[in-house]
């Protein structure tokens, strides 16, 4: 009799161990201590790349003086404003700006480009206000996430966690310890891997994403071997079935 109960006990322990192993794979930043403070010293700044679409608007106290530096498509009709033209960063890293001509902005941040334009416009305008925005800042999240796809970024900065949040987070079949970020530097692809189980991920050079970055979440072992149900869940169901069967046998003898 004791040996039979011992068998049930061992099966229960196996179930507990299986569930603990699952937790270790799905919890973010497992080595972060309670009330631990991490100072964000990441000096990341968005830089312009080839094929970026850049919106630039120049304004001054004299609208007529700044008008030649703002290009619009179409005419204002019925209260509908004309659409402002965006500037494409060409293969040489330049944009063709009105009046000024070709300006090389590839590798510059929006603030650096703002200062460059302010210097270029100093002969034409007094104290111009320059608004710059990347219009095609997107990131793509693929693999074992709940909503894979390409997402538009409204600001100038987005972290890998925010991008995964847009994609509905990593699903139960995805590995959190080996996230791949594919980054394009004007035609050169660079591959980086991030372990989101550890707090050092916050210091990764790809923690903050750049435009057109691709995040790929590879499947874990259960994701590779199971098609519909997570293998771990299948194992748990099998163990529970054995437990129920064993319990019934013990109770009926």
Protein backbone atom coordinates (compact mmCIF):
# COMPACT_ATOMS: atom_id res chain seq x y z
CA UNK A 1 0.00 0.00 0.00
CA UNK A 2 2.76 2.43 0.89
CA UNK A 3 4.47 1.82 -2.43
CA UNK A 4 1.28 2.76 -4.28
CA UNK A 5 0.97 6.05 -2.43
CA UNK A 6 4.65 6.62 -3.07
CA UNK A 7 3.97 6.29 -6.79
CA UNK A 8 1.22 8.92 -6.59
CA UNK A 9 3.55 11.21 -4.63
CA UNK A 10 6.28 10.89 -7.29
CA UNK A 11 3.80 11.66 -10.04
CA UNK A 12 2.66 14.78 -8.20
CA UNK A 13 6.27 15.91 -7.80
CA UNK A 14 6.86 15.37 -11.51
CA UNK A 15 3.89 17.60 -12.28
CA UNK A 16 5.19 20.35 -9.98
CA UNK A 17 8.67 20.20 -11.50
CA UNK A 18 7.23 20.40 -15.00
CA UNK A 19 5.25 23.52 -14.10
CA UNK A 20 8.32 25.13 -12.48
CA UNK A 21 10.39 24.51 -15.59
CA UNK A 22 7.72 26.25 -17.64
CA UNK A 23 7.81 29.33 -15.39
CA UNK A 24 11.55 29.75 -15.80
CA UNK A 25 11.14 30.09 -19.54
CA UNK A 26 8.34 32.67 -19.57
CA UNK A 27 9.25 35.15 -16.82
CA UNK A 28 11.01 38.37 -17.85
CA UNK A 29 14.01 39.79 -15.94
CA UNK A 30 14.25 36.92 -13.49
CA UNK A 31 17.47 38.22 -11.91
CA UNK A 32 16.03 41.64 -10.98
CA UNK A 33 15.82 42.06 -7.21
CA UNK A 34 12.91 43.68 -5.40
CA UNK A 35 13.20 47.49 -5.21
CA UNK A 36 16.35 47.32 -7.30
CA UNK A 37 16.98 50.59 -9.15
CA UNK A 38 18.48 50.55 -12.63
CA UNK A 39 19.65 53.86 -14.10
CA UNK A 40 19.02 54.07 -17.84
CA UNK A 41 22.38 55.24 -19.21
CA UNK A 42 21.57 54.15 -22.75
CA UNK A 43 22.45 57.14 -24.95
CA UNK A 44 20.50 55.87 -27.94
CA UNK A 45 19.41 58.47 -30.49
CA UNK A 46 17.51 57.83 -33.70
CA UNK A 47 19.61 58.45 -36.81
CA UNK A 48 18.39 58.95 -40.34
CA UNK A 49 18.92 56.09 -42.80
CA UNK A 50 18.74 55.72 -46.57
CA UNK A 51 15.09 55.46 -47.79
CA UNK A 52 13.71 57.29 -44.76
CA UNK A 53 10.76 59.58 -45.46
CA UNK A 54 11.27 62.78 -43.51
CA UNK A 55 8.71 65.46 -42.80
CA UNK A 56 10.24 68.93 -42.37
CA UNK A 57 8.19 72.04 -41.66
CA UNK A 58 9.69 75.52 -41.37
CA UNK A 59 7.80 78.34 -39.66
CA UNK A 60 8.65 81.92 -38.67
CA UNK A 61 6.82 85.03 -37.50
CA UNK A 62 6.55 85.95 -41.18
CA UNK A 63 4.63 83.11 -42.92
CA UNK A 64 5.37 84.55 -46.37
CA UNK A 65 9.12 84.39 -45.74
CA UNK A 66 9.05 80.73 -44.72
CA UNK A 67 6.53 79.62 -47.38
CA UNK A 68 9.16 78.82 -50.08
CA UNK A 69 10.76 76.27 -47.72
CA UNK A 70 7.58 74.22 -47.30
CA UNK A 71 6.39 72.10 -50.21
CA UNK A 72 2.75 71.06 -50.50
CA UNK A 73 0.92 68.77 -52.88
CA UNK A 74 -2.39 70.02 -54.24
CA UNK A 75 -4.31 73.14 -53.27
CA UNK A 76 -6.51 74.05 -50.33
CA UNK A 77 -10.17 73.54 -51.23
CA UNK A 78 -13.30 73.42 -49.13
CA UNK A 79 -11.37 73.71 -45.87
CA UNK A 80 -9.13 70.74 -46.73
CA UNK A 81 -5.45 71.60 -46.39
CA UNK A 82 -2.94 70.66 -49.05
CA UNK A 83 -0.74 67.68 -48.20
CA UNK A 84 2.83 68.49 -47.20
CA UNK A 85 5.50 66.77 -49.25
CA UNK A 86 7.93 64.44 -47.45
CA UNK A 87 11.61 64.22 -48.30
CA UNK A 88 13.19 60.90 -49.27
CA UNK A 89 16.74 60.21 -48.07
CA UNK A 90 18.35 59.00 -51.32
CA UNK A 91 21.10 56.40 -51.77
CA UNK A 92 23.70 59.13 -51.19
CA UNK A 93 22.11 59.97 -47.84
CA UNK A 94 20.81 63.33 -49.08
CA UNK A 95 17.51 65.16 -49.34
CA UNK A 96 16.71 67.83 -51.91
CA UNK A 97 15.52 70.78 -49.85
CA UNK A 98 13.82 73.83 -51.40
CA UNK A 99 16.06 76.81 -52.16
CA UNK A 100 19.00 75.32 -50.21
CA UNK A 101 19.47 72.26 -52.46
CA UNK A 102 21.07 68.91 -51.53
CA UNK A 103 21.66 68.33 -47.81
CA UNK A 104 23.27 65.16 -46.43
CA UNK A 105 21.43 63.99 -43.34
CA UNK A 106 22.13 60.24 -43.25
CA UNK A 107 23.64 59.31 -39.88
CA UNK A 108 22.34 62.50 -38.26
CA UNK A 109 19.72 62.64 -35.52
CA UNK A 110 16.63 64.85 -35.88
CA UNK A 111 18.17 67.42 -33.49
CA UNK A 112 21.45 67.43 -35.46
CA UNK A 113 19.52 67.85 -38.70
CA UNK A 114 17.57 70.69 -37.13
CA UNK A 115 20.81 72.52 -36.30
CA UNK A 116 22.18 71.89 -39.79
CA UNK A 117 19.07 73.32 -41.39
CA UNK A 118 19.05 76.29 -39.05
CA UNK A 119 22.57 77.09 -40.21
CA UNK A 120 21.63 76.63 -43.89
CA UNK A 121 18.59 78.89 -43.50
CA UNK A 122 20.35 81.65 -41.56
CA UNK A 123 20.83 83.66 -44.78
CA UNK A 124 17.10 83.56 -45.52
CA UNK A 125 15.17 83.42 -42.26
CA UNK A 126 15.40 84.83 -38.75
CA UNK A 127 14.88 82.41 -35.85
CA UNK A 128 13.09 79.69 -37.80
CA UNK A 129 11.17 77.00 -35.97
CA UNK A 130 12.00 73.64 -37.53
CA UNK A 131 9.86 70.56 -36.95
CA UNK A 132 11.28 67.22 -38.16
CA UNK A 133 9.68 63.80 -38.06
CA UNK A 134 10.34 60.39 -39.61
CA UNK A 135 7.18 59.42 -41.48
CA UNK A 136 8.01 55.77 -42.21
CA UNK A 137 9.32 54.67 -38.80
CA UNK A 138 8.08 51.10 -38.60
CA UNK A 139 9.19 47.94 -36.81
CA UNK A 140 8.29 44.38 -37.74
CA UNK A 141 7.68 41.67 -35.15
CA UNK A 142 7.65 38.08 -36.37
CA UNK A 143 7.64 34.56 -34.95
CA UNK A 144 6.04 33.33 -31.74
CA UNK A 145 4.05 36.43 -30.79
CA UNK A 146 0.30 36.84 -30.55
CA UNK A 147 -0.06 39.46 -33.32
CA UNK A 148 2.88 39.33 -35.74
CA UNK A 149 3.06 42.23 -38.17
CA UNK A 150 4.57 45.60 -39.06
CA UNK A 151 3.77 48.49 -36.72
CA UNK A 152 3.98 52.24 -37.19
CA UNK A 153 5.95 54.17 -34.56
CA UNK A 154 4.56 57.61 -33.81
CA UNK A 155 7.49 59.03 -31.86
CA UNK A 156 11.25 59.01 -32.39
CA UNK A 157 11.98 56.11 -30.03
CA UNK A 158 10.58 52.69 -29.19
CA UNK A 159 12.01 49.90 -27.05
CA UNK A 160 11.98 46.20 -27.83
CA UNK A 161 9.49 45.69 -24.96
CA UNK A 162 7.12 48.29 -26.41
CA UNK A 163 7.35 46.66 -29.84
CA UNK A 164 6.54 43.25 -28.35
CA UNK A 165 3.64 44.89 -26.54
CA UNK A 166 2.26 46.14 -29.87
CA UNK A 167 2.46 42.55 -31.13
CA UNK A 168 0.50 41.25 -28.14
CA UNK A 169 3.56 39.91 -26.29
CA UNK A 170 5.44 36.66 -26.81
CA UNK A 171 3.15 33.67 -26.67
CA UNK A 172 3.72 30.59 -24.53
CA UNK A 173 5.60 28.88 -27.37
CA UNK A 174 8.17 31.64 -27.82
CA UNK A 175 11.69 31.82 -26.41
CA UNK A 176 12.34 34.91 -24.32
CA UNK A 177 16.03 34.21 -23.85
CA UNK A 178 17.10 34.46 -27.49
CA UNK A 179 15.23 37.32 -29.22
CA UNK A 180 16.81 38.25 -32.55
CA UNK A 181 16.87 41.85 -33.77
CA UNK A 182 17.77 42.32 -37.43
CA UNK A 183 18.96 45.84 -38.16
CA UNK A 184 19.75 47.41 -41.51
CA UNK A 185 22.54 49.97 -41.79
CA UNK A 186 22.08 51.37 -45.30
CA UNK A 187 22.17 47.95 -46.94
CA UNK A 188 24.23 46.06 -44.35
CA UNK A 189 22.30 43.64 -42.14
CA UNK A 190 23.41 43.27 -38.51
CA UNK A 191 22.03 40.49 -36.29
CA UNK A 192 21.82 40.90 -32.50
CA UNK A 193 20.36 38.61 -29.84
CA UNK A 194 18.76 39.66 -26.56
CA UNK A 195 17.96 37.60 -23.46
CA UNK A 196 14.81 39.10 -21.94
CA UNK A 197 15.02 36.72 -19.00
CA UNK A 198 17.86 38.88 -17.67
CA UNK A 199 17.86 42.54 -16.64
CA UNK A 200 21.01 43.20 -18.69
CA UNK A 201 18.70 43.22 -21.72
CA UNK A 202 17.93 46.83 -20.78
CA UNK A 203 21.55 47.70 -21.59
CA UNK A 204 21.58 45.97 -24.97
CA UNK A 205 22.53 48.15 -27.97
CA UNK A 206 19.30 47.01 -29.62
CA UNK A 207 17.02 47.58 -26.61
CA UNK A 208 15.91 50.76 -28.38
CA UNK A 209 14.92 50.02 -31.94
CA UNK A 210 15.60 51.95 -35.12
CA UNK A 211 13.33 52.36 -38.12
CA UNK A 212 12.71 49.16 -40.11
CA UNK A 213 14.18 46.88 -37.42
CA UNK A 214 12.86 43.31 -37.48
CA UNK A 215 12.29 41.37 -34.24
CA UNK A 216 12.13 37.61 -34.55
CA UNK A 217 10.99 35.42 -31.66
CA UNK A 218 11.95 31.83 -32.27
CA UNK A 219 9.78 29.00 -30.95
CA UNK A 220 10.82 27.04 -27.90
CA UNK A 221 11.12 23.28 -27.97
CA UNK A 222 7.41 22.73 -27.41
CA UNK A 223 6.62 25.16 -30.21
CA UNK A 224 8.85 23.22 -32.57
CA UNK A 225 7.33 19.85 -31.79
CA UNK A 226 3.66 20.67 -31.14
CA UNK A 227 1.25 21.95 -33.78
CA UNK A 228 -1.92 22.76 -31.88
CA UNK A 229 -1.24 22.22 -28.19
CA UNK A 230 1.84 23.18 -26.27
CA UNK A 231 3.84 20.03 -25.58
CA UNK A 232 4.21 21.02 -21.98
CA UNK A 233 0.45 21.20 -21.58
CA UNK A 234 0.16 17.81 -23.25
CA UNK A 235 2.64 16.34 -20.78
CA UNK A 236 0.72 17.89 -17.90
CA UNK A 237 -2.55 16.41 -19.19
CA UNK A 238 -0.88 13.00 -19.52
CA UNK A 239 0.45 13.17 -15.98
CA UNK A 240 -2.94 14.20 -14.64
CA UNK A 241 -4.54 11.31 -16.51
CA UNK A 242 -2.05 8.90 -14.94
CA UNK A 243 -2.72 10.43 -11.52
CA UNK A 244 -6.47 10.04 -11.90
CA UNK A 245 -6.10 6.47 -13.13
CA UNK A 246 -3.71 5.59 -10.30
CA UNK A 247 -6.00 7.18 -7.72
CA UNK A 248 -9.02 5.28 -9.03
CA UNK A 249 -7.07 2.02 -8.94
CA UNK A 250 -5.93 2.69 -5.39
CA UNK A 251 -9.42 3.57 -4.22
CA UNK A 252 -11.06 0.54 -5.83
CA UNK A 253 -8.64 -2.03 -4.40
